[in-house]
């Protein structure tokens, strides 16, 4: 039996034009498994970032599991939702978590309001990306990531994953229903699958300053030689970001690749483009991905004193620098999905 799981929200009586909250089916074992983060409030003018840990259930008597589709439900106001495979434990340790019922699985949560470890990206620097979503649109609350035929992500039963969610309730990105997240992992029916690989990379040297109001920052990730195809991509910045682009890169050039090689172009910070069904062949000689972020400095609503306090160089120039907070920091992050997978250590980003 498949049961629809719905987000509960308060909708004004008679308001037939209000979008319905997301629904996802609860999966049984032969279909896959489901994760449901309990609903929480997001007070006006606040940001919430929490980290939920759970393990992949044993659905095949100890055999590896292959998943070729994700469905992600997010209520409006979501700034990002990332799922990672845990790796080196630095400061973000699930042993410090509080038990939580995640619907189809049991887990623990480390709340960012109680433990800043959930806000520090260095704590998951070598944790491979599984899947992400940045949707914040009441009219399209479910993201369907269906992989190409014959391609799937592989997991071991008992493997630990971390689901991180970031919600904002501001004038620019309201969260009228609070936060609620659901993820469905669908098992592949293919007998032999090509393994999906992922790339998550950040450019952490960014400085968007009053004296340099329109900077541009770039980065690149080099792949080993071989046949690799980009299937999906999306990028992430905050409200000073104006454009984020990605190109197929030859792995050698030190200048921006030609326009014909561009496969991703986004100008929206609060509900960025999520490109799927791409078919971008990278150079077999050992190419990769080049990306660039453009910015426009804005006077901060919180005042320059707060921005200067967050600047590690203390330059006094009202500079937005790399960090997680929407009001005081900026980002230049990319997420890319490709196949066949290679060892994460063989992908070099700089």
Protein backbone atom coordinates (compact mmCIF):
# COMPACT_ATOMS: atom_id res chain seq x y z
CA UNK A 1 0.00 0.00 0.00
CA UNK A 2 1.30 3.47 -0.85
CA UNK A 3 0.31 6.25 1.52
CA UNK A 4 0.50 9.91 0.60
CA UNK A 5 2.33 12.03 3.16
CA UNK A 6 1.26 15.68 3.21
CA UNK A 7 2.68 18.77 4.85
CA UNK A 8 0.15 20.29 7.24
CA UNK A 9 -0.26 24.02 6.83
CA UNK A 10 -2.78 26.66 7.75
CA UNK A 11 -4.59 27.98 4.69
CA UNK A 12 -7.18 30.72 4.91
CA UNK A 13 -10.72 29.42 4.57
CA UNK A 14 -12.08 29.93 1.11
CA UNK A 15 -8.69 30.74 -0.40
CA UNK A 16 -8.92 28.36 -3.30
CA UNK A 17 -5.98 29.98 -5.08
CA UNK A 18 -3.45 28.98 -2.41
CA UNK A 19 -1.01 26.28 -3.60
CA UNK A 20 -1.45 22.88 -1.99
CA UNK A 21 1.38 21.66 0.26
CA UNK A 22 3.68 19.01 -1.19
CA UNK A 23 2.80 15.34 -1.10
CA UNK A 24 5.10 12.36 -1.55
CA UNK A 25 4.28 8.65 -1.38
CA UNK A 26 5.76 6.71 1.54
CA UNK A 27 7.88 3.97 -0.05
CA UNK A 28 7.89 0.29 0.88
CA UNK A 29 11.12 -1.74 0.86
CA UNK A 30 10.97 -3.00 -2.72
CA UNK A 31 10.46 0.59 -3.91
CA UNK A 32 13.15 2.21 -1.73
CA UNK A 33 12.93 4.25 1.44
CA UNK A 34 11.60 7.61 2.64
CA UNK A 35 12.93 10.32 4.94
CA UNK A 36 10.62 12.89 6.54
CA UNK A 37 12.00 15.79 8.58
CA UNK A 38 9.42 16.90 11.15
CA UNK A 39 7.86 20.29 10.51
CA UNK A 40 9.39 23.24 12.38
CA UNK A 41 8.71 26.95 12.72
CA UNK A 42 10.92 29.59 11.10
CA UNK A 43 10.34 32.89 12.88
CA UNK A 44 10.33 36.09 10.84
CA UNK A 45 13.82 37.52 10.42
CA UNK A 46 15.61 34.28 11.33
CA UNK A 47 17.67 31.54 9.66
CA UNK A 48 17.67 27.89 10.67
CA UNK A 49 20.28 25.31 9.66
CA UNK A 50 20.04 21.79 11.09
CA UNK A 51 21.90 18.54 10.34
CA UNK A 52 20.05 15.20 10.42
CA UNK A 53 21.97 11.89 10.40
CA UNK A 54 20.54 8.50 9.44
CA UNK A 55 21.74 5.22 7.93
CA UNK A 56 20.72 3.58 4.68
CA UNK A 57 18.39 0.70 5.58
CA UNK A 58 19.20 -2.89 4.66
CA UNK A 59 16.64 -3.59 1.93
CA UNK A 60 18.42 -6.47 0.12
CA UNK A 61 19.86 -8.83 2.74
CA UNK A 62 23.19 -7.03 3.01
CA UNK A 63 23.71 -6.39 -0.71
CA UNK A 64 24.56 -2.95 -2.09
CA UNK A 65 21.58 -0.79 -3.02
CA UNK A 66 21.18 1.17 -6.23
CA UNK A 67 18.90 4.23 -6.51
CA UNK A 68 18.00 5.90 -9.80
CA UNK A 69 15.43 8.48 -8.71
CA UNK A 70 15.06 11.04 -5.92
CA UNK A 71 11.93 13.00 -5.05
CA UNK A 72 12.46 15.99 -2.76
CA UNK A 73 9.64 17.96 -1.15
CA UNK A 74 10.41 21.37 0.36
CA UNK A 75 8.10 24.06 1.69
CA UNK A 76 8.74 27.65 0.52
CA UNK A 77 11.56 29.51 2.24
CA UNK A 78 14.03 26.68 1.83
CA UNK A 79 17.49 28.08 1.15
CA UNK A 80 19.08 24.69 0.53
CA UNK A 81 18.75 21.00 1.26
CA UNK A 82 21.89 18.88 0.85
CA UNK A 83 22.42 15.18 1.50
CA UNK A 84 26.02 14.03 2.03
CA UNK A 85 27.72 10.71 2.78
CA UNK A 86 29.57 11.17 6.06
CA UNK A 87 33.33 10.76 6.00
CA UNK A 88 36.01 12.29 8.23
CA UNK A 89 34.48 13.48 11.50
CA UNK A 90 35.97 16.85 12.45
CA UNK A 91 33.58 18.93 14.54
CA UNK A 92 30.19 17.70 13.37
CA UNK A 93 29.77 14.37 15.16
CA UNK A 94 26.47 12.47 14.99
CA UNK A 95 27.30 10.98 18.39
CA UNK A 96 26.36 14.40 19.77
CA UNK A 97 22.95 14.33 18.12
CA UNK A 98 19.49 14.06 19.61
CA UNK A 99 17.33 11.08 18.50
CA UNK A 100 14.63 11.99 15.99
CA UNK A 101 11.98 10.06 14.06
CA UNK A 102 12.52 10.70 10.35
CA UNK A 103 9.51 8.77 9.13
CA UNK A 104 10.91 5.84 7.20
CA UNK A 105 14.16 5.80 9.22
CA UNK A 106 15.37 6.72 12.69
CA UNK A 107 18.17 9.24 13.11
CA UNK A 108 19.68 12.02 15.19
CA UNK A 109 19.71 15.78 14.71
CA UNK A 110 22.28 18.45 15.53
CA UNK A 111 20.50 21.78 15.52
CA UNK A 112 22.43 24.80 14.34
CA UNK A 113 20.82 26.96 17.01
CA UNK A 114 22.49 24.80 19.68
CA UNK A 115 25.71 23.73 17.97
CA UNK A 116 27.51 25.91 15.42
CA UNK A 117 29.20 22.79 14.02
CA UNK A 118 26.23 22.45 11.66
CA UNK A 119 27.11 25.85 10.13
CA UNK A 120 30.84 25.24 9.49
CA UNK A 121 31.52 23.85 6.02
CA UNK A 122 34.98 22.65 7.05
CA UNK A 123 33.21 19.95 9.07
CA UNK A 124 32.00 18.21 5.89
CA UNK A 125 34.80 19.21 3.53
CA UNK A 126 35.45 15.61 2.38
CA UNK A 127 31.87 14.31 2.59
CA UNK A 128 30.67 13.28 -0.89
CA UNK A 129 27.45 14.87 -2.14
CA UNK A 130 24.45 12.59 -2.66
CA UNK A 131 21.72 14.98 -3.86
CA UNK A 132 20.61 18.56 -3.30
CA UNK A 133 17.68 20.88 -3.90
CA UNK A 134 17.30 24.64 -3.61
CA UNK A 135 13.68 25.00 -4.61
CA UNK A 136 11.78 27.77 -2.84
CA UNK A 137 8.68 28.00 -4.99
CA UNK A 138 5.20 27.42 -3.57
CA UNK A 139 3.96 26.39 -7.03
CA UNK A 140 6.66 23.74 -7.51
CA UNK A 141 7.54 22.21 -4.17
CA UNK A 142 8.67 18.77 -5.39
CA UNK A 143 11.92 18.22 -7.27
CA UNK A 144 12.09 14.99 -9.27
CA UNK A 145 15.64 13.82 -10.00
CA UNK A 146 15.25 10.86 -12.35
CA UNK A 147 18.64 9.63 -13.55
CA UNK A 148 19.35 8.57 -17.14
CA UNK A 149 18.44 5.00 -18.09
CA UNK A 150 21.08 2.59 -16.80
CA UNK A 151 22.61 5.11 -14.33
CA UNK A 152 22.17 4.83 -10.54
CA UNK A 153 23.77 5.86 -7.25
CA UNK A 154 25.22 3.02 -5.16
CA UNK A 155 24.97 2.74 -1.37
CA UNK A 156 25.97 0.16 1.18
CA UNK A 157 23.36 -0.83 3.79
CA UNK A 158 24.19 0.87 7.06
CA UNK A 159 26.05 3.70 5.29
CA UNK A 160 25.57 6.94 7.19
CA UNK A 161 24.12 9.99 5.46
CA UNK A 162 23.65 13.57 6.62
CA UNK A 163 20.69 15.69 5.46
CA UNK A 164 21.34 19.38 6.01
CA UNK A 165 18.55 21.91 5.69
CA UNK A 166 18.76 25.70 5.69
CA UNK A 167 15.61 27.84 5.90
CA UNK A 168 15.28 31.62 5.82
CA UNK A 169 12.25 33.74 6.69
CA UNK A 170 12.96 37.21 5.38
CA UNK A 171 11.32 39.81 3.18
CA UNK A 172 13.33 38.52 0.21
CA UNK A 173 12.77 34.82 0.98
CA UNK A 174 9.69 34.24 3.17
CA UNK A 175 8.84 30.91 4.81
CA UNK A 176 5.07 31.24 5.39
CA UNK A 177 4.52 27.53 6.22
CA UNK A 178 7.64 26.96 8.29
CA UNK A 179 10.13 24.25 7.35
CA UNK A 180 9.34 20.72 6.28
CA UNK A 181 11.34 18.31 4.12
CA UNK A 182 10.74 14.93 2.55
CA UNK A 183 13.10 12.82 0.44
CA UNK A 184 12.29 9.58 -1.38
CA UNK A 185 15.09 7.26 -2.53
CA UNK A 186 13.82 4.98 -5.32
CA UNK A 187 15.53 1.67 -5.97
CA UNK A 188 16.72 0.95 -9.49
CA UNK A 189 15.17 -1.98 -11.36
CA UNK A 190 18.17 -2.23 -13.71
CA UNK A 191 20.28 -5.38 -13.35
CA UNK A 192 23.51 -3.58 -14.23
CA UNK A 193 23.91 0.13 -13.67
CA UNK A 194 26.59 2.71 -14.34
CA UNK A 195 27.44 4.44 -11.07
CA UNK A 196 26.51 8.11 -10.63
CA UNK A 197 29.22 10.49 -9.44
CA UNK A 198 28.82 13.92 -7.86
CA UNK A 199 30.88 17.07 -7.43
CA UNK A 200 30.32 19.70 -4.75
CA UNK A 201 32.76 22.60 -4.88
CA UNK A 202 33.04 26.06 -3.33
CA UNK A 203 35.04 29.18 -4.09
CA UNK A 204 35.89 30.48 -0.62
CA UNK A 205 38.07 33.47 -1.50
CA UNK A 206 35.12 35.68 -2.48
CA UNK A 207 34.97 39.29 -1.25
CA UNK A 208 32.10 41.54 -2.35
CA UNK A 209 33.14 44.94 -1.04
CA UNK A 210 31.87 48.49 -1.05
CA UNK A 211 35.05 49.62 -2.86
CA UNK A 212 34.84 46.74 -5.40
CA UNK A 213 31.10 46.35 -5.95
CA UNK A 214 31.02 44.08 -9.03
CA UNK A 215 33.63 41.34 -8.57
CA UNK A 216 33.76 38.03 -10.43
CA UNK A 217 35.19 34.80 -9.04
CA UNK A 218 35.93 31.56 -10.83
CA UNK A 219 36.83 27.98 -10.01
CA UNK A 220 37.48 24.71 -11.79
CA UNK A 221 37.30 20.98 -11.11
CA UNK A 222 39.53 18.62 -13.09
CA UNK A 223 38.46 15.03 -13.86
CA UNK A 224 40.76 12.13 -14.73
CA UNK A 225 40.99 11.01 -18.36
CA UNK A 226 38.05 8.99 -19.59
CA UNK A 227 34.51 9.32 -20.89
CA UNK A 228 32.37 11.34 -18.47
CA UNK A 229 28.95 12.90 -19.02
CA UNK A 230 27.37 15.70 -16.95
CA UNK A 231 23.72 14.88 -16.30
CA UNK A 232 22.63 17.59 -13.82
CA UNK A 233 23.91 20.83 -12.32
CA UNK A 234 22.94 23.74 -10.13
CA UNK A 235 24.71 26.60 -8.41
CA UNK A 236 24.31 28.59 -5.22
CA UNK A 237 24.94 32.13 -4.08
CA UNK A 238 23.21 34.67 -1.83
CA UNK A 239 21.35 37.87 -2.73
CA UNK A 240 24.44 39.79 -3.92
CA UNK A 241 24.96 37.13 -6.60
CA UNK A 242 23.80 38.14 -10.07
CA UNK A 243 24.94 35.27 -12.30
CA UNK A 244 26.47 31.80 -11.99
CA UNK A 245 27.65 29.90 -15.07
CA UNK A 246 29.33 26.54 -15.73
CA UNK A 247 31.23 25.32 -18.76
CA UNK A 248 32.77 22.11 -19.97
CA UNK A 249 36.52 22.68 -19.56
CA UNK A 250 39.52 21.14 -21.30
CA UNK A 251 41.44 20.84 -18.03
CA UNK A 252 44.33 22.93 -19.33
CA UNK A 253 43.18 26.43 -20.34
CA UNK A 254 43.43 29.25 -17.80
CA UNK A 255 40.77 31.43 -19.42
CA UNK A 256 36.99 31.12 -19.62
CA UNK A 257 35.90 28.36 -22.05
CA UNK A 258 33.98 29.35 -25.20
CA UNK A 259 30.27 30.12 -25.04
CA UNK A 260 29.52 26.91 -26.91
CA UNK A 261 30.84 24.95 -23.90
CA UNK A 262 28.49 26.61 -21.37
CA UNK A 263 25.84 24.25 -19.97
CA UNK A 264 24.49 26.14 -16.95
CA UNK A 265 23.42 29.77 -16.55
CA UNK A 266 21.52 31.09 -13.54
CA UNK A 267 20.63 34.64 -12.43
CA UNK A 268 18.26 33.85 -9.53
CA UNK A 269 19.56 33.53 -5.97
CA UNK A 270 16.43 32.53 -4.04
CA UNK A 271 15.12 29.83 -6.40
CA UNK A 272 18.06 28.94 -8.66
CA UNK A 273 17.83 26.93 -11.85
CA UNK A 274 18.17 23.18 -11.32
CA UNK A 275 19.25 21.73 -14.65
CA UNK A 276 18.53 18.06 -15.25
CA UNK A 277 18.46 15.87 -18.35
CA UNK A 278 21.73 17.40 -19.51
CA UNK A 279 23.96 15.41 -21.82
CA UNK A 280 27.32 17.19 -21.64
CA UNK A 281 30.32 15.12 -22.68
CA UNK A 282 33.54 16.23 -20.97
CA UNK A 283 36.86 16.02 -22.86
CA UNK A 284 38.15 12.45 -22.74
CA UNK A 285 41.72 13.64 -22.30
CA UNK A 286 40.95 14.73 -18.76
CA UNK A 287 38.71 17.79 -18.78
CA UNK A 288 36.30 19.02 -16.17
CA UNK A 289 34.05 21.89 -15.13
CA UNK A 290 34.82 25.61 -15.02
CA UNK A 291 32.47 27.98 -13.20
CA UNK A 292 32.12 31.69 -12.47
CA UNK A 293 30.08 33.81 -10.05
CA UNK A 294 29.24 37.50 -10.60
CA UNK A 295 28.16 39.86 -7.79
CA UNK A 296 26.69 43.28 -7.13
CA UNK A 297 27.45 44.80 -3.73
CA UNK A 298 24.41 46.03 -1.83
CA UNK A 299 24.14 48.11 1.35
CA UNK A 300 23.40 45.56 4.08
CA UNK A 301 20.06 45.72 5.87
CA UNK A 302 21.87 44.73 9.08
CA UNK A 303 24.41 47.57 8.75
CA UNK A 304 28.08 47.50 7.79
CA UNK A 305 29.23 46.94 11.36
CA UNK A 306 27.75 43.42 11.23
CA UNK A 307 29.35 42.75 7.84
CA UNK A 308 32.73 44.02 9.00
CA UNK A 309 32.53 41.85 12.12
CA UNK A 310 32.11 38.77 9.90
CA UNK A 311 35.07 39.70 7.66
CA UNK A 312 38.10 37.57 8.65
CA UNK A 313 40.44 40.27 7.28
CA UNK A 314 38.69 43.06 9.23
CA UNK A 315 39.23 45.41 6.28
CA UNK A 316 36.46 47.83 7.30
CA UNK A 317 35.19 47.92 3.70
CA UNK A 318 31.77 46.35 4.30
CA UNK A 319 32.87 43.16 2.52
CA UNK A 320 30.60 40.14 2.22
CA UNK A 321 32.83 37.07 2.55
CA UNK A 322 32.40 33.30 2.35
CA UNK A 323 30.03 31.91 4.96
CA UNK A 324 26.59 30.39 5.53
CA UNK A 325 24.48 33.32 6.74
CA UNK A 326 22.30 34.93 4.09
CA UNK A 327 22.43 38.46 5.57
CA UNK A 328 26.16 38.71 6.27
CA UNK A 329 27.94 36.19 3.99
CA UNK A 330 28.18 35.11 0.36
CA UNK A 331 28.63 31.84 -1.50
CA UNK A 332 29.88 30.60 -4.86
CA UNK A 333 29.04 26.89 -4.82
CA UNK A 334 28.38 24.34 -7.55
CA UNK A 335 26.72 20.93 -7.58
CA UNK A 336 27.31 18.65 -10.57
CA UNK A 337 26.09 15.12 -11.31
CA UNK A 338 27.94 12.94 -13.79
CA UNK A 339 28.60 9.35 -14.84
CA UNK A 340 30.43 7.03 -14.64
CA UNK A 341 31.70 7.81 -11.13
CA UNK A 342 35.38 8.06 -10.28
CA UNK A 343 37.06 8.07 -6.89
CA UNK A 344 36.43 11.39 -5.17
CA UNK A 345 40.15 11.76 -4.51
CA UNK A 346 40.80 11.81 -8.28
CA UNK A 347 38.70 14.98 -8.80
CA UNK A 348 40.71 18.12 -8.08
CA UNK A 349 38.92 21.43 -7.49
CA UNK A 350 40.61 24.79 -7.12
